[in-house]
């Protein structure tokens, strides 16, 4: 009975994050197994599940960290009416990492980014790089389409580095 109560207390202190399989803390006698408790804590996803951002810019601009890597799944809807093609510039990798929690800003941390071009102008947005980024795949987002990317942290500290990998596109309807 004590194990069940202690396990429930541990679960209350370290709840599972939306979309993840709950981790059951193994018990060793009347106390939680230290290794199991550490593994339970480490299994908590540091990212919130999803976030939606809209940018009404009508010309090129530099996105914020929250617009690019604000959650496990981040959506950036570019809604401003373009008069010509425009650049969506990524913030530097160092700026990105400076605004993350220590649990988020680790090598190998990844999130999904969807960029939607719902602009009133018949022009494309092009994702462009800043210091510390490696871009891979097609970076243009035509009007009334979206493009998905995987954002990965590949270096921290003085060697701040990130990659943006295009993984798919579709029609916005």
Foldseek 3Di string as FASTA:
>chain_A
DLCVVQQVVLCVVQPAAPPDDQQGFPPDPNHTDPVSSVVNNLPHDPFHAEDEAEDQDQAEDEDALCQFPVGQEYEYEYAHAYPEEHEHEYDALQRNLVPDDPSQNDAFRKHKYKYAYQHPYQYKYFYDYDHQEDEEDGGIHTHQKMWMWMKGFHDDDPNTHIYTYTDDMDGHD
